[in-house]
Amino acid sequence: MRKIIITLTSVAMIALVACPSAEKNEKTSLNIISKDNAKLYEFNVGKSRYLMNAQEGALLMKWSVKNDDGSIREVIHWPEGAVRGTIDTVYGGAPIFFPFSGMSHSGNKPNFWNSSTGEELPMRKFGFSDNGKYEVVSVSPTEITLKFIECEYSKKAYPFKYEFYVNYKFTPTSYKVSMKLKNKDSIAIPWGAGHHPFVAMPWNKGEKHADYYIDFDCASAYYVNNNGGYLIPTNFENKRCDNPQMAARIHADLQSPIVNIRSKSGKGDLQMIINNGKIEPTFVLVTFGRVDKTPFWAVEPWMVTPFSAGRHAPKIPAGEDGNFCVELKLK
């Protein structure tokens, strides 16, 4: 494994100025690691370490924090050894979904959608970002901006003129991911991006999933019939992480942009802020995990429900930009 360490003092100083939440005396560094033909970016910000496979899926693989006693806490789970993987092959990291979240369905078959002109187009589950390629636009020890590189499949599935950017800002206690879709076309284009952090759980010794809660406000919930292309209403009362009904449940009609991921002990809790505190009627929160079988619970803010492509996904007018962001922080 080859490691290249960037230690330019001026670069680190510029990064601190650009990141107001970073404390003045916090050390920052950016390491570039070559492993299994992947170029990994390691951002060290204070006691936090963020590891990205930036050019493959704009993927934040792992977030870990050094505790006061010297132990390491995994905040975003990533299985050891792997350096890449799509949402279908690796349960870990914090994948980006674009242009749509969840499954698409044309009305005739899954993994297709209908454009505004009535054309039936392919669209794999979760879109094509998590297995797509990105170029690095800019990078510093606390921030990275990436641009999606179109491929043959994306041109068939999403035949519009656009630019899609992903930006990550890292602090000692949080990260914020911002997605921007620039409509370069002469028509309005639909989208419904999403974020899928696999939150490591349990994070305190001696605890189980029963000791954790995912607190949020919603007014409805659904399961998905992927083959049929429709949502199935269900209850949403029990949000404790030993509730198997939480798995793959879609929570809609969100009443608040705040999600608290907490332990019964109150130690090491997390807070998620969706879209800078501004939620839209189409936004949903998806939860996924297996009680005491997965070393995580995924907490996923999406702009839309599954099957929104070609139905009710929001549209960006010609020449305008669409934005969506998610912040995850230690409380």
Protein backbone atom coordinates (compact mmCIF):
# COMPACT_ATOMS: atom_id res chain seq x y z
CA MET A 1 0.00 0.00 0.00
CA ARG A 2 1.48 3.37 -1.09
CA LYS A 3 0.72 6.46 0.96
CA ILE A 4 1.38 10.04 -0.11
CA ILE A 5 1.06 12.60 2.67
CA ILE A 6 0.27 16.23 1.92
CA THR A 7 1.76 18.33 4.70
CA LEU A 8 1.85 21.83 3.22
CA THR A 9 1.34 24.21 6.12
CA SER A 10 -0.19 26.86 3.87
CA VAL A 11 -2.78 24.40 2.58
CA ALA A 12 -3.81 23.47 6.11
CA MET A 13 -4.07 27.14 7.08
CA ILE A 14 -6.27 27.93 4.08
CA ALA A 15 -8.51 24.98 4.93
CA LEU A 16 -9.02 26.24 8.47
CA VAL A 17 -10.06 29.65 7.21
CA ALA A 18 -12.52 28.01 4.81
CA CYS A 19 -14.05 25.90 7.56
CA PRO A 20 -15.45 28.19 10.30
CA SER A 21 -16.48 25.29 12.55
CA ALA A 22 -12.90 24.01 12.83
CA GLU A 23 -11.22 25.24 16.00
CA LYS A 24 -8.09 27.38 15.54
CA ASN A 25 -5.72 24.90 17.12
CA GLU A 26 -7.14 21.74 15.56
CA LYS A 27 -4.61 19.90 13.40
CA THR A 28 -5.63 19.00 9.86
CA SER A 29 -3.96 16.89 7.21
CA LEU A 30 -4.81 15.25 3.91
CA ASN A 31 -3.29 11.89 2.98
CA ILE A 32 -3.69 10.19 -0.38
CA ILE A 33 -3.57 6.39 -0.19
CA SER A 34 -3.30 4.03 -3.16
CA LYS A 35 -4.87 0.65 -2.46
CA ASP A 36 -6.22 -2.01 -4.84
CA ASN A 37 -6.14 0.46 -7.75
CA ALA A 38 -8.24 2.94 -5.78
CA LYS A 39 -7.16 6.44 -4.79
CA LEU A 40 -8.37 7.02 -1.25
CA TYR A 41 -8.48 10.43 0.42
CA GLU A 42 -7.90 10.52 4.17
CA PHE A 43 -8.97 13.74 5.89
CA ASN A 44 -7.71 14.15 9.45
CA VAL A 45 -9.49 16.99 11.22
CA GLY A 46 -8.85 17.23 14.94
CA LYS A 47 -9.72 13.84 16.43
CA SER A 48 -11.80 12.80 13.42
CA ARG A 49 -10.62 10.76 10.46
CA TYR A 50 -12.70 10.67 7.27
CA LEU A 51 -11.82 8.18 4.52
CA MET A 52 -13.20 8.60 0.99
CA ASN A 53 -13.06 6.78 -2.30
CA ALA A 54 -13.86 10.11 -3.87
CA GLN A 55 -13.56 9.26 -7.55
CA GLU A 56 -15.70 6.13 -7.34
CA GLY A 57 -19.20 7.11 -6.27
CA ALA A 58 -18.11 10.24 -4.34
CA LEU A 59 -18.13 7.73 -1.50
CA LEU A 60 -17.46 8.65 2.11
CA MET A 61 -16.35 5.21 3.28
CA LYS A 62 -15.67 5.77 6.94
CA TRP A 63 -15.74 8.31 9.75
CA SER A 64 -13.94 7.46 12.97
CA VAL A 65 -13.14 9.51 16.07
CA LYS A 66 -10.35 9.14 18.61
CA ASN A 67 -11.77 9.16 22.13
CA ASP A 68 -10.10 10.83 25.10
CA ASP A 69 -8.91 7.43 26.37
CA GLY A 70 -7.16 6.72 23.06
CA SER A 71 -9.73 4.24 21.77
CA ILE A 72 -11.25 4.65 18.32
CA ARG A 73 -14.99 5.02 17.76
CA GLU A 74 -16.41 4.15 14.37
CA VAL A 75 -19.17 6.65 13.49
CA ILE A 76 -19.82 5.63 9.87
CA HIS A 77 -19.41 1.89 9.44
CA TRP A 78 -17.28 0.40 6.67
CA PRO A 79 -16.32 -3.30 6.43
CA GLU A 80 -12.60 -3.91 6.79
CA GLY A 81 -10.61 -4.64 3.65
CA ALA A 82 -12.95 -3.29 0.98
CA VAL A 83 -12.05 -0.09 -0.87
CA ARG A 84 -15.07 0.15 -3.15
CA GLY A 85 -18.57 -1.17 -3.59
CA THR A 86 -22.07 -0.15 -4.63
CA ILE A 87 -25.04 0.00 -2.30
CA ASP A 88 -25.98 -3.49 -3.52
CA THR A 89 -22.60 -5.10 -2.77
CA VAL A 90 -21.23 -3.41 0.37
CA TYR A 91 -23.23 -2.45 3.45
CA GLY A 92 -21.23 0.51 4.65
CA GLY A 93 -20.12 4.07 4.09
CA ALA A 94 -22.45 6.89 3.13
CA PRO A 95 -23.44 6.48 -0.54
CA ILE A 96 -24.87 9.27 -2.68
CA PHE A 97 -28.07 8.55 -4.63
CA PHE A 98 -28.64 10.37 -7.92
CA PRO A 99 -30.69 11.19 -9.91
CA PHE A 100 -33.37 9.32 -7.95
CA SER A 101 -33.55 7.50 -4.61
CA GLY A 102 -34.92 3.99 -4.21
CA MET A 103 -36.56 1.99 -6.97
CA SER A 104 -37.99 3.40 -10.19
CA HIS A 105 -40.97 1.83 -11.97
CA SER A 106 -42.46 2.73 -15.34
CA GLY A 107 -45.84 1.19 -14.57
CA ASN A 108 -44.92 -1.75 -16.74
CA LYS A 109 -41.68 -2.93 -15.13
CA PRO A 110 -39.19 -2.08 -12.37
CA ASN A 111 -35.86 -0.35 -13.05
CA PHE A 112 -37.43 1.87 -15.70
CA TRP A 113 -39.16 5.25 -15.66
CA ASN A 114 -41.21 7.40 -18.03
CA SER A 115 -39.85 10.75 -19.16
CA SER A 116 -42.09 13.78 -19.71
CA THR A 117 -42.15 12.89 -23.42
CA GLY A 118 -43.50 9.42 -22.63
CA GLU A 119 -40.26 7.60 -23.39
CA GLU A 120 -39.54 4.54 -21.21
CA LEU A 121 -35.98 4.87 -19.92
CA PRO A 122 -33.76 2.55 -17.82
CA MET A 123 -33.04 3.52 -14.21
CA ARG A 124 -31.30 1.14 -11.82
CA LYS A 125 -32.25 1.18 -8.16
CA PHE A 126 -30.76 4.25 -6.44
CA GLY A 127 -29.67 5.72 -9.77
CA PHE A 128 -26.11 5.69 -11.10
CA SER A 129 -24.03 7.75 -8.67
CA ASP A 130 -23.01 4.99 -6.26
CA ASN A 131 -21.35 3.06 -9.11
CA GLY A 132 -20.37 6.14 -11.11
CA LYS A 133 -17.13 8.04 -11.64
CA TYR A 134 -16.28 11.51 -10.36
CA GLU A 135 -13.51 13.98 -10.99
CA VAL A 136 -11.96 16.07 -8.23
CA VAL A 137 -12.71 19.76 -8.77
CA SER A 138 -10.95 20.99 -5.63
CA VAL A 139 -9.61 19.52 -2.40
CA SER A 140 -8.12 20.76 0.87
CA PRO A 141 -7.55 19.10 4.27
CA THR A 142 -11.14 19.94 5.30
CA GLU A 143 -13.14 20.01 2.06
CA ILE A 144 -13.56 18.30 -1.30
CA THR A 145 -15.72 19.08 -4.34
CA LEU A 146 -16.47 16.44 -6.98
CA LYS A 147 -18.16 16.47 -10.38
CA PHE A 148 -20.02 13.48 -11.83
CA ILE A 149 -18.60 12.07 -15.07
CA GLU A 150 -21.33 10.95 -17.43
CA CYS A 151 -21.16 7.45 -18.90
CA GLU A 152 -23.04 5.57 -21.60
CA TYR A 153 -25.61 4.25 -19.12
CA SER A 154 -26.27 7.63 -17.46
CA LYS A 155 -26.81 9.25 -20.87
CA LYS A 156 -29.46 6.64 -21.72
CA ALA A 157 -31.12 6.73 -18.30
CA TYR A 158 -31.08 10.50 -17.80
CA PRO A 159 -30.84 12.12 -21.25
CA PHE A 160 -30.49 15.73 -20.17
CA LYS A 161 -27.81 18.40 -20.22
CA TYR A 162 -26.66 18.92 -16.65
CA GLU A 163 -23.78 19.02 -14.20
CA PHE A 164 -23.94 17.25 -10.84
CA TYR A 165 -21.60 18.21 -8.00
CA VAL A 166 -20.98 16.74 -4.55
CA ASN A 167 -19.21 18.76 -1.86
CA TYR A 168 -18.04 17.51 1.54
CA LYS A 169 -16.99 19.78 4.40
CA PHE A 170 -15.30 18.13 7.39
CA THR A 171 -14.91 19.45 10.95
CA PRO A 172 -13.60 17.77 14.12
CA THR A 173 -17.17 16.81 15.12
CA SER A 174 -19.23 16.75 11.92
CA TYR A 175 -19.46 16.50 8.18
CA LYS A 176 -21.80 18.16 5.74
CA VAL A 177 -22.50 16.85 2.25
CA SER A 178 -24.06 19.17 -0.33
CA MET A 179 -25.39 18.08 -3.72
CA LYS A 180 -25.97 20.51 -6.57
CA LEU A 181 -27.67 19.77 -9.89
CA LYS A 182 -27.12 22.47 -12.51
CA ASN A 183 -29.73 22.29 -15.26
CA LYS A 184 -27.97 23.13 -18.54
CA ASP A 185 -30.93 22.00 -20.63
CA SER A 186 -33.74 23.95 -22.28
CA ILE A 187 -36.42 22.03 -20.34
CA ALA A 188 -37.14 21.37 -16.66
CA ILE A 189 -35.51 18.17 -15.39
CA PRO A 190 -36.65 15.96 -12.47
CA TRP A 191 -34.45 14.76 -9.66
CA GLY A 192 -34.63 13.23 -6.19
CA ALA A 193 -31.19 12.74 -4.66
CA GLY A 194 -30.48 10.98 -1.36
CA HIS A 195 -27.82 10.15 1.22
CA HIS A 196 -27.35 6.77 2.92
CA PRO A 197 -25.09 6.90 6.02
CA PHE A 198 -24.56 3.52 7.68
CA VAL A 199 -24.32 4.72 11.29
CA ALA A 200 -22.17 2.33 13.35
CA MET A 201 -24.17 0.83 16.22
CA PRO A 202 -23.76 0.07 19.05
CA TRP A 203 -21.04 2.59 19.79
CA ASN A 204 -20.86 2.08 23.56
CA LYS A 205 -19.45 -1.07 25.17
CA GLY A 206 -21.97 -3.50 26.57
CA GLU A 207 -24.91 -2.04 24.66
CA LYS A 208 -27.21 -3.60 22.08
CA HIS A 209 -29.57 -2.17 19.48
CA ALA A 210 -32.30 -2.13 22.15
CA ASP A 211 -30.35 0.67 23.84
CA TYR A 212 -30.64 3.00 20.84
CA TYR A 213 -33.32 5.22 19.35
CA ILE A 214 -33.75 7.13 16.10
CA ASP A 215 -35.92 10.12 17.00
CA PHE A 216 -37.71 12.15 14.32
CA ASP A 217 -41.17 13.52 13.55
CA CYS A 218 -43.26 12.15 10.69
CA ALA A 219 -46.96 11.75 9.92
CA SER A 220 -46.93 8.61 7.76
CA ALA A 221 -44.81 5.59 6.90
CA TYR A 222 -44.59 3.00 4.15
CA TYR A 223 -42.98 -0.20 2.97
CA VAL A 224 -42.16 -0.75 -0.69
CA ASN A 225 -43.42 -3.23 -3.24
CA ASN A 226 -40.52 -2.98 -5.68
CA ASN A 227 -41.92 -5.24 -8.38
CA GLY A 228 -45.38 -3.70 -8.28
CA GLY A 229 -44.16 -0.12 -8.08
CA TYR A 230 -46.26 1.06 -5.14
CA LEU A 231 -46.01 1.95 -1.44
CA ILE A 232 -47.74 0.06 1.37
CA PRO A 233 -48.89 2.18 4.37
CA THR A 234 -47.72 1.00 7.80
CA ASN A 235 -47.36 2.26 11.37
CA PHE A 236 -44.45 4.39 12.57
CA GLU A 237 -44.80 4.49 16.34
CA ASN A 238 -41.84 2.44 17.62
CA LYS A 239 -38.52 4.03 16.71
CA ARG A 240 -36.31 1.95 18.98
CA CYS A 241 -33.57 0.07 17.15
CA ASP A 242 -34.62 -3.37 18.40
CA ASN A 243 -37.84 -3.02 16.41
CA PRO A 244 -37.57 -5.17 13.26
CA GLN A 245 -40.38 -3.17 11.65
CA MET A 246 -37.93 -0.25 11.36
CA ALA A 247 -36.02 -2.12 8.65
CA ALA A 248 -36.52 -0.64 5.16
CA ARG A 249 -39.30 1.61 6.43
CA ILE A 250 -39.95 4.90 4.65
CA HIS A 251 -41.07 7.78 6.88
CA ALA A 252 -42.93 10.53 5.04
CA ASP A 253 -44.67 13.83 5.80
CA LEU A 254 -41.67 14.89 7.88
CA GLN A 255 -42.57 17.46 10.52
CA SER A 256 -39.01 18.44 11.44
CA PRO A 257 -35.60 18.51 9.72
CA ILE A 258 -33.87 17.19 12.86
CA VAL A 259 -33.04 13.52 13.48
CA ASN A 260 -31.48 12.46 16.78
CA ILE A 261 -29.66 9.13 16.87
CA ARG A 262 -29.16 8.43 20.54
CA SER A 263 -28.25 5.83 23.09
CA LYS A 264 -30.12 5.19 26.32
CA SER A 265 -26.98 6.22 28.22
CA GLY A 266 -26.79 9.56 26.40
CA LYS A 267 -23.12 9.02 25.54
CA GLY A 268 -21.87 9.83 22.06
CA ASP A 269 -25.22 10.80 20.55
CA LEU A 270 -25.54 12.02 16.96
CA GLN A 271 -27.73 14.61 15.31
CA MET A 272 -28.66 14.87 11.64
CA ILE A 273 -29.87 18.11 10.06
CA ILE A 274 -31.65 17.75 6.74
CA ASN A 275 -31.27 20.42 4.05
CA ASN A 276 -30.10 23.23 6.34
CA GLY A 277 -33.32 22.90 8.33
CA LYS A 278 -35.64 23.43 5.37
CA ILE A 279 -37.75 20.38 4.50
CA GLU A 280 -39.96 19.96 1.46
CA PRO A 281 -43.22 17.94 1.31
CA THR A 282 -41.54 15.25 -0.83
CA PHE A 283 -38.70 14.56 1.65
CA VAL A 284 -38.58 11.20 3.45
CA LEU A 285 -36.38 9.45 6.00
CA VAL A 286 -35.56 5.77 5.49
CA THR A 287 -34.23 3.45 8.22
CA PHE A 288 -32.52 0.13 7.60
CA GLY A 289 -30.81 -2.48 9.77
CA ARG A 290 -31.19 -5.95 11.30
CA VAL A 291 -31.63 -6.08 15.05
CA ASP A 292 -28.27 -7.01 16.63
CA LYS A 293 -27.18 -8.64 13.36
CA THR A 294 -25.87 -5.60 11.50
CA PRO A 295 -23.13 -3.43 13.06
CA PHE A 296 -25.11 -0.37 11.97
CA TRP A 297 -28.48 1.25 11.46
CA ALA A 298 -28.74 3.24 8.24
CA VAL A 299 -30.47 6.61 8.60
CA GLU A 300 -31.21 7.92 5.11
CA PRO A 301 -32.65 11.31 4.13
CA TRP A 302 -34.06 11.24 0.60
CA MET A 303 -35.61 14.04 -1.42
CA VAL A 304 -38.33 11.71 -2.70
CA THR A 305 -40.04 8.37 -2.11
CA PRO A 306 -39.27 5.42 -4.38
CA PHE A 307 -41.11 5.44 -7.74
CA SER A 308 -40.96 9.24 -7.93
CA ALA A 309 -39.11 9.26 -11.26
CA GLY A 310 -41.59 10.20 -13.95
CA ARG A 311 -44.33 10.73 -11.37
CA HIS A 312 -43.91 13.43 -8.72
CA ALA A 313 -40.17 14.11 -8.43
CA PRO A 314 -39.46 17.85 -8.16
CA LYS A 315 -38.20 19.55 -11.31
CA ILE A 316 -35.48 22.14 -11.78
CA PRO A 317 -36.39 24.81 -14.34
CA ALA A 318 -34.12 25.28 -17.35
CA GLY A 319 -30.96 27.19 -16.49
CA GLU A 320 -31.45 26.92 -12.72
CA ASP A 321 -29.83 24.88 -9.92
CA GLY A 322 -31.22 22.40 -7.44
CA ASN A 323 -29.64 21.81 -4.03
CA PHE A 324 -29.89 19.25 -1.24
CA CYS A 325 -27.65 18.80 1.80
CA VAL A 326 -27.27 16.70 4.93
CA GLU A 327 -25.20 17.34 8.06
CA LEU A 328 -24.29 14.67 10.60
CA LYS A 329 -22.64 15.73 13.84
CA LEU A 330 -21.63 14.51 17.26
CA LYS A 331 -23.70 16.18 19.97
